């Protein structure tokens, strides 16, 4: 017979047993199991009931939400685009790359190529020029640049002798009589690929930039270095540029803008030309007139196209003849982005749009993330704060040997946004995407132009750290961000609404970089609405619609 009770320790003496103990020991084994189970169920029911009551009584929305990131409500005086609490002016034309004659490998991958190259070319073009994250603006050299192949060239294959040219100034047509783009690197490489690009993105903006005019227009009778021969050559130079723009247009690439001269302060041993601010101002007036006569009145004229450090020259050009200048272009190599603000302060009249038209990477960073951080800290964050309308990186494609480029080129370690296989290895073509292209994808996604779908262009909007936030101060040191918004069904942003049933009126894009090693959960609050977004180490872009 099995015992009814078992214990490692003997039961206490009878005189120490209380009534509960006596009762408990009198119960069967089955009841001893049931009683604790019933008690546990009762306690669990009480706990769940209390929790449910608390949940039902809690409001659905915290009246004082914690906010790590607060896009400024779009309201207030919209006549001042730079007023805090409204919206800013950038970027409006895109964030992308420069296209030069140094891109023959990509041109060789065009659709008429055979085998793997045809497929490779198609995939690259689809990626680079898609509507969601693709290129929106690019810059191409009008004639030779330091990244041309083999030798310098212009669109005047049979120029007049230097002395004879001065005697023909009264008849510019005779000076330009042999004008032709046919057979140049522009017609062989650049224009055909841009035509293909515009099939993917018909709204692609192309900026044309001259490095040097034909040699007879210059003081040293060569395309390398030198200055504009004298002011008497400004009319024929303007006609040459306008004729080039017209030729590109008839070839299928209508320019969005022309710059007056690439880095006019830098007289180099490769195609280049020095011009002072007075000459650039006169050239802008003459070029505007020539473009109008050619039916290209919509083509913009951009001045300076040089480094931040020359902001005073840029201001002098605009102040001398503001009506002929549509925008001012800056490069990243000398000076600091903050000097764009000094340029604006030096203007005596109307403000001008600002564009970032050239900045190159060099060599290869240790990691992709290191390279991206360099671009963000050197260009994207500071230049965005100066309301640049576009970012154009230089070059779009180079090979693994940082070329091709002229022997006289200073930069033997410049990297393109794409690294393409060299022509010496045609049997195994490849294309690698570099840091610049990943950056472009993030910012393009956040700044999509909605004009073609009934909306408007994206602009930068205020984005500030909230008064209440869940992140620690050390976390904030890891985070940088920019925010953009585009109207969904209007040409300009309207006042935001915080009504519960309001319909979306804008598309908001948020780009955040997290340099911490771990993920940060960032609370985003916008117009009375909030959510939490996980921001991993690296770059993250978020897009949503809002009233």
Foldseek 3Di string as FASTA:
>chain_A
DDDQDDDPDDDDDPVPDDPVNVVVVVDGPVVVVVPVVVVVVVVVVVVVVVVVVVVVPDDPDDPDDFAFKEFQFADDDVVDQPDASHFHQDAFQAAEAAAELFPVLLQCLDCVHDDPSNVQNVVVLCLQQAQFQHGAEYEYEQFDDQFHPDAGDHQQPPADDLVVVVVCLVPLCVRCVRGDPPPGSCVRGPLVVVLVSCVNPVNRAYEYAYFAHQQSQFCVSHQAFGAGNDLSCLLSLLLRVLVSQLVSVVSPHRHQEYEQHAALVDRFRGGHHHDALVSRLVSLVSNCVNCVVSVNNNYFYEYDNEALVVLVSVQSSCQVPVVSHAAYEHEQDDDALVSLVVSQVSHPDDDHAYAHHEDWDFADDPDQLVVLVVCCVRPVVSNVVSRHNYHYYPHAEHEPQRHDGDPRDPHRGTHHQKHWHDPVPVVDIDIDGGSSSVVSSQVCNQFRAQVVVQWEGKTWTHMDGDPGHDDDPVQVVFKDKTKIKIFNHYHDDDRFALDPPDDFGIKMKMKMAGQDQAWDFGWYDYSRDIDTDIDHHGIDMDMDTGD
